[in-house]
Amino acid sequence: MWMRQSYPTGEQLANAVSLIGSSIENEKSDAMFYEWLINNVPNNIGEKARQDIIKTITGIKEDEQMHNKIFKSMYKQLTGNEAPIPMEEEFVPPANFTEGIIKALKGETEAVRRYRTIMSGLPDNSYRDAVFNILTDEIRHGILYNYVYTTTIMS
């Protein structure tokens, strides 16, 4: 049976703040990944489909950049401190475009789980609403990556 509890607990809030900090991504590495995807869309799918995929990935890239800014701002508001700077990661390109899309799709799926946990630990609706919007973007991104995957492998 479900029991109502104080929302959130101190432990949930601390966990949410920690997850927000770890969700702030290495922008340089991410930008390189998205640029790699955009520059490696297969040519054998037709120019119209190719341009649509480039537009789709560019839109996802812009969404992710906005999410990063929102999380940085939220972290600052909740802690009074600047968000931690992620460790610089060396960009290792995927073996091929399909592997890159699979990696991106898995990343979106994991983000949905993480953001759901963050939402449950936030102190008021304005924070939860912001994370809900990000979470639904991640679901939409997963759907879009499925479209990209299907379009490229069916060609």
N, C-alpha and C. Protein backbone atom coordinates (compact mmCIF):
# COMPACT_ATOMS: atom_id res chain seq x y z
N MET A 1 0.85 -1.17 0.00
CA MET A 1 0.00 0.00 0.00
C MET A 1 0.89 1.24 0.00
N TRP A 2 0.50 2.21 -0.76
CA TRP A 2 1.25 3.46 -0.88
C TRP A 2 0.96 4.32 0.35
N MET A 3 2.03 4.89 0.92
CA MET A 3 1.89 5.76 2.10
C MET A 3 2.45 7.13 1.76
N ARG A 4 1.71 8.15 2.10
CA ARG A 4 2.18 9.52 1.89
C ARG A 4 3.28 9.83 2.88
N GLN A 5 4.30 10.51 2.42
CA GLN A 5 5.41 10.90 3.29
C GLN A 5 5.77 12.35 3.04
N SER A 6 6.58 12.88 3.92
CA SER A 6 7.08 14.23 3.72
C SER A 6 7.84 14.25 2.40
N TYR A 7 7.66 15.30 1.61
CA TYR A 7 8.17 15.31 0.25
C TYR A 7 9.04 16.51 0.01
N PRO A 8 10.25 16.38 -0.33
CA PRO A 8 11.07 15.18 -0.29
C PRO A 8 11.74 15.03 1.08
N THR A 9 12.31 13.86 1.30
CA THR A 9 13.10 13.69 2.50
C THR A 9 14.44 14.38 2.29
N GLY A 10 15.17 14.60 3.35
CA GLY A 10 16.50 15.20 3.22
C GLY A 10 17.41 14.34 2.37
N GLU A 11 17.28 13.04 2.50
CA GLU A 11 18.10 12.10 1.73
C GLU A 11 17.75 12.19 0.24
N GLN A 12 16.46 12.31 -0.08
CA GLN A 12 16.05 12.43 -1.47
C GLN A 12 16.58 13.73 -2.09
N LEU A 13 16.52 14.81 -1.33
CA LEU A 13 17.01 16.10 -1.82
C LEU A 13 18.52 16.03 -2.07
N ALA A 14 19.26 15.47 -1.11
CA ALA A 14 20.71 15.35 -1.28
C ALA A 14 21.05 14.48 -2.49
N ASN A 15 20.31 13.41 -2.68
CA ASN A 15 20.53 12.54 -3.83
C ASN A 15 20.21 13.28 -5.13
N ALA A 16 19.12 14.05 -5.12
CA ALA A 16 18.74 14.81 -6.32
C ALA A 16 19.83 15.81 -6.69
N VAL A 17 20.35 16.52 -5.69
CA VAL A 17 21.41 17.51 -5.95
C VAL A 17 22.66 16.81 -6.50
N SER A 18 23.00 15.68 -5.92
CA SER A 18 24.15 14.92 -6.40
C SER A 18 23.95 14.47 -7.84
N LEU A 19 22.75 13.98 -8.15
CA LEU A 19 22.47 13.53 -9.51
C LEU A 19 22.43 14.69 -10.50
N ILE A 20 21.96 15.84 -10.06
CA ILE A 20 21.99 17.03 -10.93
C ILE A 20 23.45 17.35 -11.26
N GLY A 21 24.30 17.33 -10.23
CA GLY A 21 25.73 17.60 -10.46
C GLY A 21 26.34 16.62 -11.44
N SER A 22 25.99 15.34 -11.30
CA SER A 22 26.57 14.35 -12.22
C SER A 22 25.89 14.36 -13.58
N SER A 23 24.72 14.99 -13.69
CA SER A 23 24.03 15.09 -14.98
C SER A 23 24.56 16.22 -15.83
N ILE A 24 25.30 17.12 -15.22
CA ILE A 24 25.90 18.22 -15.98
C ILE A 24 27.03 17.63 -16.79
N GLU A 25 26.86 17.70 -18.09
CA GLU A 25 27.73 16.96 -18.97
C GLU A 25 28.92 17.77 -19.45
N ASN A 26 29.90 17.04 -19.89
CA ASN A 26 31.08 17.64 -20.48
C ASN A 26 30.67 18.19 -21.85
N GLU A 27 30.47 19.49 -21.90
CA GLU A 27 29.92 20.11 -23.11
C GLU A 27 30.83 19.93 -24.32
N LYS A 28 32.13 19.95 -24.11
CA LYS A 28 33.06 19.82 -25.23
C LYS A 28 32.95 18.42 -25.85
N SER A 29 32.99 17.39 -25.02
CA SER A 29 32.89 16.02 -25.51
C SER A 29 31.53 15.77 -26.16
N ASP A 30 30.47 16.29 -25.55
CA ASP A 30 29.13 16.13 -26.12
C ASP A 30 29.03 16.81 -27.47
N ALA A 31 29.54 18.02 -27.56
CA ALA A 31 29.48 18.75 -28.83
C ALA A 31 30.23 17.97 -29.92
N MET A 32 31.36 17.40 -29.57
CA MET A 32 32.13 16.62 -30.53
C MET A 32 31.35 15.38 -30.97
N PHE A 33 30.65 14.73 -30.03
CA PHE A 33 29.85 13.56 -30.37
C PHE A 33 28.74 13.92 -31.34
N TYR A 34 27.99 14.99 -31.04
CA TYR A 34 26.90 15.40 -31.93
C TYR A 34 27.43 15.82 -33.29
N GLU A 35 28.53 16.55 -33.32
CA GLU A 35 29.11 16.94 -34.61
C GLU A 35 29.55 15.72 -35.40
N TRP A 36 30.11 14.73 -34.68
CA TRP A 36 30.51 13.50 -35.36
C TRP A 36 29.29 12.83 -35.99
N LEU A 37 28.19 12.72 -35.22
CA LEU A 37 26.97 12.11 -35.76
C LEU A 37 26.49 12.87 -36.99
N ILE A 38 26.42 14.19 -36.86
CA ILE A 38 25.92 15.03 -37.97
C ILE A 38 26.80 14.86 -39.21
N ASN A 39 28.11 14.79 -39.01
CA ASN A 39 29.04 14.67 -40.14
C ASN A 39 29.14 13.26 -40.71
N ASN A 40 28.53 12.29 -40.02
CA ASN A 40 28.64 10.91 -40.47
C ASN A 40 27.30 10.26 -40.80
N VAL A 41 26.28 11.09 -41.04
CA VAL A 41 25.00 10.54 -41.49
C VAL A 41 25.26 9.87 -42.83
N PRO A 42 24.84 8.63 -42.99
CA PRO A 42 25.12 7.91 -44.23
C PRO A 42 24.56 8.62 -45.47
N ASN A 43 25.28 8.50 -46.56
CA ASN A 43 24.87 9.11 -47.83
C ASN A 43 23.90 8.23 -48.61
N ASN A 44 23.80 6.97 -48.25
CA ASN A 44 23.01 6.03 -49.05
C ASN A 44 21.51 6.01 -48.71
N ILE A 45 21.03 6.99 -47.97
CA ILE A 45 19.63 6.99 -47.55
C ILE A 45 18.77 7.99 -48.32
N GLY A 46 19.35 8.68 -49.23
CA GLY A 46 18.61 9.71 -49.98
C GLY A 46 18.83 11.06 -49.32
N GLU A 47 18.93 12.08 -50.14
CA GLU A 47 19.28 13.41 -49.63
C GLU A 47 18.20 13.99 -48.72
N LYS A 48 16.94 13.76 -49.03
CA LYS A 48 15.86 14.31 -48.20
C LYS A 48 15.91 13.68 -46.80
N ALA A 49 16.05 12.37 -46.73
CA ALA A 49 16.13 11.68 -45.43
C ALA A 49 17.40 12.10 -44.70
N ARG A 50 18.49 12.24 -45.42
CA ARG A 50 19.77 12.65 -44.81
C ARG A 50 19.65 14.03 -44.18
N GLN A 51 19.07 14.97 -44.89
CA GLN A 51 18.90 16.33 -44.35
C GLN A 51 17.95 16.33 -43.15
N ASP A 52 16.92 15.49 -43.20
CA ASP A 52 15.99 15.40 -42.08
C ASP A 52 16.70 14.85 -40.83
N ILE A 53 17.56 13.87 -41.02
CA ILE A 53 18.31 13.31 -39.89
C ILE A 53 19.27 14.34 -39.33
N ILE A 54 19.95 15.08 -40.19
CA ILE A 54 20.86 16.13 -39.72
C ILE A 54 20.08 17.16 -38.90
N LYS A 55 18.93 17.57 -39.40
CA LYS A 55 18.08 18.53 -38.68
C LYS A 55 17.63 17.94 -37.33
N THR A 56 17.27 16.69 -37.32
CA THR A 56 16.82 16.03 -36.09
C THR A 56 17.93 15.99 -35.04
N ILE A 57 19.12 15.57 -35.44
CA ILE A 57 20.24 15.48 -34.50
C ILE A 57 20.66 16.87 -34.03
N THR A 58 20.61 17.84 -34.92
CA THR A 58 20.93 19.22 -34.53
C THR A 58 19.95 19.72 -33.48
N GLY A 59 18.67 19.43 -33.66
CA GLY A 59 17.66 19.82 -32.67
C GLY A 59 17.88 19.15 -31.33
N ILE A 60 18.24 17.88 -31.34
CA ILE A 60 18.54 17.17 -30.09
C ILE A 60 19.75 17.80 -29.41
N LYS A 61 20.76 18.12 -30.18
CA LYS A 61 21.97 18.76 -29.64
C LYS A 61 21.61 20.08 -28.95
N GLU A 62 20.78 20.88 -29.59
CA GLU A 62 20.37 22.16 -28.99
C GLU A 62 19.55 21.96 -27.72
N ASP A 63 18.67 20.97 -27.71
CA ASP A 63 17.91 20.65 -26.50
C ASP A 63 18.85 20.28 -25.36
N GLU A 64 19.83 19.44 -25.65
CA GLU A 64 20.76 18.97 -24.62
C GLU A 64 21.59 20.13 -24.05
N GLN A 65 21.97 21.06 -24.91
CA GLN A 65 22.70 22.24 -24.43
C GLN A 65 21.83 23.05 -23.48
N MET A 66 20.55 23.19 -23.79
CA MET A 66 19.62 23.92 -22.93
C MET A 66 19.43 23.17 -21.60
N HIS A 67 19.31 21.86 -21.66
CA HIS A 67 19.16 21.07 -20.43
C HIS A 67 20.36 21.29 -19.52
N ASN A 68 21.54 21.32 -20.09
CA ASN A 68 22.76 21.52 -19.31
C ASN A 68 22.72 22.87 -18.59
N LYS A 69 22.28 23.91 -19.29
CA LYS A 69 22.17 25.24 -18.68
C LYS A 69 21.14 25.23 -17.55
N ILE A 70 20.02 24.56 -17.76
CA ILE A 70 18.98 24.49 -16.72
C ILE A 70 19.53 23.77 -15.49
N PHE A 71 20.21 22.66 -15.69
CA PHE A 71 20.75 21.92 -14.55
C PHE A 71 21.82 22.73 -13.81
N LYS A 72 22.65 23.46 -14.53
CA LYS A 72 23.65 24.31 -13.88
C LYS A 72 22.97 25.37 -13.02
N SER A 73 21.94 25.99 -13.55
CA SER A 73 21.20 27.00 -12.81
C SER A 73 20.51 26.40 -11.59
N MET A 74 19.90 25.27 -11.77
CA MET A 74 19.20 24.59 -10.67
C MET A 74 20.18 24.21 -9.56
N TYR A 75 21.34 23.71 -9.95
CA TYR A 75 22.35 23.32 -8.96
C TYR A 75 22.76 24.54 -8.13
N LYS A 76 22.99 25.66 -8.82
CA LYS A 76 23.38 26.90 -8.14
C LYS A 76 22.28 27.35 -7.18
N GLN A 77 21.03 27.30 -7.62
CA GLN A 77 19.92 27.72 -6.77
C GLN A 77 19.76 26.83 -5.55
N LEU A 78 19.95 25.53 -5.73
CA LEU A 78 19.74 24.59 -4.62
C LEU A 78 20.90 24.54 -3.63
N THR A 79 22.12 24.83 -4.11
CA THR A 79 23.30 24.68 -3.23
C THR A 79 23.97 26.01 -2.88
N GLY A 80 23.75 27.03 -3.69
CA GLY A 80 24.46 28.29 -3.52
C GLY A 80 25.85 28.25 -4.12
N ASN A 81 26.21 27.15 -4.74
CA ASN A 81 27.53 26.97 -5.35
C ASN A 81 27.40 26.74 -6.85
N GLU A 82 28.48 27.06 -7.55
CA GLU A 82 28.52 26.74 -8.98
C GLU A 82 28.54 25.22 -9.13
N ALA A 83 27.98 24.75 -10.21
CA ALA A 83 27.97 23.32 -10.49
C ALA A 83 29.40 22.82 -10.69
N PRO A 84 29.65 21.58 -10.29
CA PRO A 84 30.99 21.03 -10.51
C PRO A 84 31.29 20.92 -12.00
N ILE A 85 32.53 21.16 -12.33
CA ILE A 85 32.95 21.04 -13.73
C ILE A 85 33.29 19.57 -13.97
N PRO A 86 32.61 18.95 -14.96
CA PRO A 86 32.90 17.53 -15.22
C PRO A 86 34.33 17.35 -15.69
N MET A 87 34.85 16.18 -15.41
CA MET A 87 36.20 15.85 -15.87
C MET A 87 36.21 15.86 -17.40
N GLU A 88 37.28 16.40 -17.94
CA GLU A 88 37.44 16.43 -19.39
C GLU A 88 37.64 15.00 -19.88
N GLU A 89 36.77 14.59 -20.80
CA GLU A 89 36.88 13.26 -21.37
C GLU A 89 37.39 13.37 -22.79
N GLU A 90 38.23 12.42 -23.16
CA GLU A 90 38.69 12.38 -24.53
C GLU A 90 37.56 11.83 -25.39
N PHE A 91 37.28 12.50 -26.50
CA PHE A 91 36.24 12.02 -27.40
C PHE A 91 36.77 10.85 -28.20
N VAL A 92 36.06 9.74 -28.09
CA VAL A 92 36.39 8.56 -28.88
C VAL A 92 35.21 8.34 -29.83
N PRO A 93 35.42 8.53 -31.12
CA PRO A 93 34.31 8.38 -32.05
C PRO A 93 33.78 6.95 -32.06
N PRO A 94 32.49 6.80 -32.29
CA PRO A 94 31.92 5.46 -32.42
C PRO A 94 32.53 4.74 -33.62
N ALA A 95 32.40 3.42 -33.64
CA ALA A 95 32.95 2.64 -34.75
C ALA A 95 32.27 3.00 -36.06
N ASN A 96 30.98 3.34 -35.98
CA ASN A 96 30.23 3.72 -37.17
C ASN A 96 28.97 4.48 -36.74
N PHE A 97 28.23 4.99 -37.69
CA PHE A 97 27.05 5.80 -37.39
C PHE A 97 26.02 5.02 -36.57
N THR A 98 25.78 3.79 -36.96
CA THR A 98 24.78 2.97 -36.24
C THR A 98 25.17 2.81 -34.78
N GLU A 99 26.45 2.53 -34.52
CA GLU A 99 26.91 2.40 -33.13
C GLU A 99 26.74 3.72 -32.37
N GLY A 100 26.95 4.83 -33.05
CA GLY A 100 26.76 6.13 -32.43
C GLY A 100 25.31 6.37 -32.04
N ILE A 101 24.39 5.99 -32.92
CA ILE A 101 22.96 6.16 -32.63
C ILE A 101 22.55 5.24 -31.48
N ILE A 102 23.06 4.02 -31.46
CA ILE A 102 22.75 3.10 -30.36
C ILE A 102 23.26 3.67 -29.04
N LYS A 103 24.48 4.21 -29.06
CA LYS A 103 25.04 4.83 -27.85
C LYS A 103 24.15 5.99 -27.39
N ALA A 104 23.73 6.83 -28.33
CA ALA A 104 22.88 7.98 -27.99
C ALA A 104 21.54 7.51 -27.43
N LEU A 105 20.96 6.49 -28.02
CA LEU A 105 19.68 5.96 -27.57
C LEU A 105 19.78 5.40 -26.15
N LYS A 106 20.84 4.68 -25.88
CA LYS A 106 21.05 4.15 -24.52
C LYS A 106 21.25 5.29 -23.52
N GLY A 107 21.96 6.34 -23.94
CA GLY A 107 22.17 7.50 -23.06
C GLY A 107 20.87 8.19 -22.72
N GLU A 108 19.97 8.32 -23.69
CA GLU A 108 18.66 8.93 -23.45
C GLU A 108 17.85 8.09 -22.47
N THR A 109 17.90 6.78 -22.62
CA THR A 109 17.16 5.88 -21.74
C THR A 109 17.66 5.99 -20.30
N GLU A 110 18.96 6.01 -20.13
CA GLU A 110 19.52 6.17 -18.78
C GLU A 110 19.19 7.53 -18.18
N ALA A 111 19.17 8.55 -19.02
CA ALA A 111 18.84 9.90 -18.53
C ALA A 111 17.41 9.93 -17.99
N VAL A 112 16.48 9.26 -18.65
CA VAL A 112 15.10 9.23 -18.17
C VAL A 112 15.05 8.65 -16.76
N ARG A 113 15.74 7.57 -16.52
CA ARG A 113 15.76 6.96 -15.18
C ARG A 113 16.35 7.92 -14.14
N ARG A 114 17.46 8.54 -14.50
CA ARG A 114 18.15 9.46 -13.57
C ARG A 114 17.27 10.67 -13.27
N TYR A 115 16.63 11.22 -14.29
CA TYR A 115 15.82 12.42 -14.09
C TYR A 115 14.56 12.13 -13.30
N ARG A 116 14.04 10.93 -13.42
CA ARG A 116 12.89 10.54 -12.60
C ARG A 116 13.27 10.54 -11.12
N THR A 117 14.46 10.06 -10.81
CA THR A 117 14.95 10.06 -9.43
C THR A 117 15.17 11.49 -8.96
N ILE A 118 15.74 12.33 -9.82
CA ILE A 118 15.95 13.74 -9.46
C ILE A 118 14.60 14.39 -9.13
N MET A 119 13.61 14.18 -9.97
CA MET A 119 12.29 14.80 -9.76
C MET A 119 11.74 14.47 -8.37
N SER A 120 11.91 13.22 -7.95
CA SER A 120 11.32 12.81 -6.67
C SER A 120 12.02 13.45 -5.47
N GLY A 121 13.17 14.06 -5.68
CA GLY A 121 13.90 14.66 -4.58
C GLY A 121 13.90 16.17 -4.56
N LEU A 122 13.12 16.79 -5.44
CA LEU A 122 13.15 18.25 -5.52
C LEU A 122 12.08 18.88 -4.63
N PRO A 123 12.39 20.07 -4.08
CA PRO A 123 11.56 20.64 -3.03
C PRO A 123 10.26 21.32 -3.47
N ASP A 124 10.12 21.69 -4.73
CA ASP A 124 8.86 22.33 -5.11
C ASP A 124 8.55 22.08 -6.58
N ASN A 125 7.33 22.46 -6.94
CA ASN A 125 6.85 22.18 -8.29
C ASN A 125 7.64 22.87 -9.39
N SER A 126 8.19 24.03 -9.14
CA SER A 126 8.92 24.71 -10.22
C SER A 126 10.14 23.89 -10.65
N TYR A 127 10.84 23.32 -9.68
CA TYR A 127 11.98 22.45 -10.02
C TYR A 127 11.49 21.16 -10.67
N ARG A 128 10.48 20.55 -10.09
CA ARG A 128 9.96 19.29 -10.65
C ARG A 128 9.43 19.50 -12.07
N ASP A 129 8.74 20.63 -12.30
CA ASP A 129 8.23 20.90 -13.65
C ASP A 129 9.38 21.04 -14.65
N ALA A 130 10.44 21.72 -14.26
CA ALA A 130 11.59 21.89 -15.16
C ALA A 130 12.20 20.53 -15.51
N VAL A 131 12.36 19.68 -14.49
CA VAL A 131 12.94 18.36 -14.76
C VAL A 131 11.96 17.50 -15.56
N PHE A 132 10.67 17.64 -15.30
CA PHE A 132 9.68 16.90 -16.08
C PHE A 132 9.78 17.27 -17.56
N ASN A 133 9.95 18.55 -17.85
CA ASN A 133 10.11 18.98 -19.24
C ASN A 133 11.36 18.40 -19.86
N ILE A 134 12.45 18.37 -19.11
CA ILE A 134 13.69 17.76 -19.61
C ILE A 134 13.48 16.27 -19.82
N LEU A 135 12.86 15.61 -18.87
CA LEU A 135 12.63 14.17 -18.95
C LEU A 135 11.79 13.83 -20.19
N THR A 136 10.75 14.61 -20.45
CA THR A 136 9.94 14.32 -21.64
C THR A 136 10.71 14.61 -22.93
N ASP A 137 11.62 15.59 -22.89
CA ASP A 137 12.50 15.78 -24.05
C ASP A 137 13.35 14.54 -24.28
N GLU A 138 13.86 13.95 -23.22
CA GLU A 138 14.70 12.76 -23.35
C GLU A 138 13.91 11.60 -23.95
N ILE A 139 12.65 11.45 -23.55
CA ILE A 139 11.79 10.41 -24.13
C ILE A 139 11.61 10.70 -25.62
N ARG A 140 11.33 11.95 -25.95
CA ARG A 140 11.17 12.35 -27.35
C ARG A 140 12.45 12.09 -28.14
N HIS A 141 13.60 12.40 -27.53
CA HIS A 141 14.88 12.14 -28.20
C HIS A 141 15.04 10.65 -28.48
N GLY A 142 14.66 9.82 -27.53
CA GLY A 142 14.74 8.37 -27.75
C GLY A 142 13.90 7.94 -28.95
N ILE A 143 12.71 8.50 -29.05
CA ILE A 143 11.83 8.20 -30.19
C ILE A 143 12.49 8.68 -31.48
N LEU A 144 13.06 9.88 -31.45
CA LEU A 144 13.72 10.41 -32.65
C LEU A 144 14.94 9.57 -33.04
N TYR A 145 15.72 9.11 -32.05
CA TYR A 145 16.86 8.25 -32.38
C TYR A 145 16.39 6.91 -32.95
N ASN A 146 15.25 6.41 -32.49
CA ASN A 146 14.70 5.19 -33.09
C ASN A 146 14.33 5.44 -34.56
N TYR A 147 13.77 6.61 -34.84
CA TYR A 147 13.47 6.99 -36.22
C TYR A 147 14.76 7.04 -37.05
N VAL A 148 15.80 7.68 -36.51
CA VAL A 148 17.07 7.78 -37.23
C VAL A 148 17.65 6.38 -37.47
N TYR A 149 17.63 5.56 -36.43
CA TYR A 149 18.18 4.19 -36.54
C TYR A 149 17.42 3.41 -37.63
N THR A 150 16.11 3.45 -37.55
CA THR A 150 15.28 2.71 -38.50
C THR A 150 15.49 3.22 -39.92
N THR A 151 15.54 4.52 -40.08
CA THR A 151 15.72 5.11 -41.41
C THR A 151 17.06 4.70 -42.01
N THR A 152 18.09 4.68 -41.20
CA THR A 152 19.42 4.38 -41.75
C THR A 152 19.63 2.89 -41.99
N ILE A 153 19.08 2.03 -41.15
CA ILE A 153 19.32 0.60 -41.37
C ILE A 153 18.38 0.00 -42.41
N MET A 154 17.25 0.66 -42.65
CA MET A 154 16.29 0.14 -43.63
C MET A 154 16.64 0.61 -45.06
N SER A 155 17.62 1.46 -45.19
CA SER A 155 17.97 1.99 -46.52
C SER A 155 18.90 1.07 -47.25
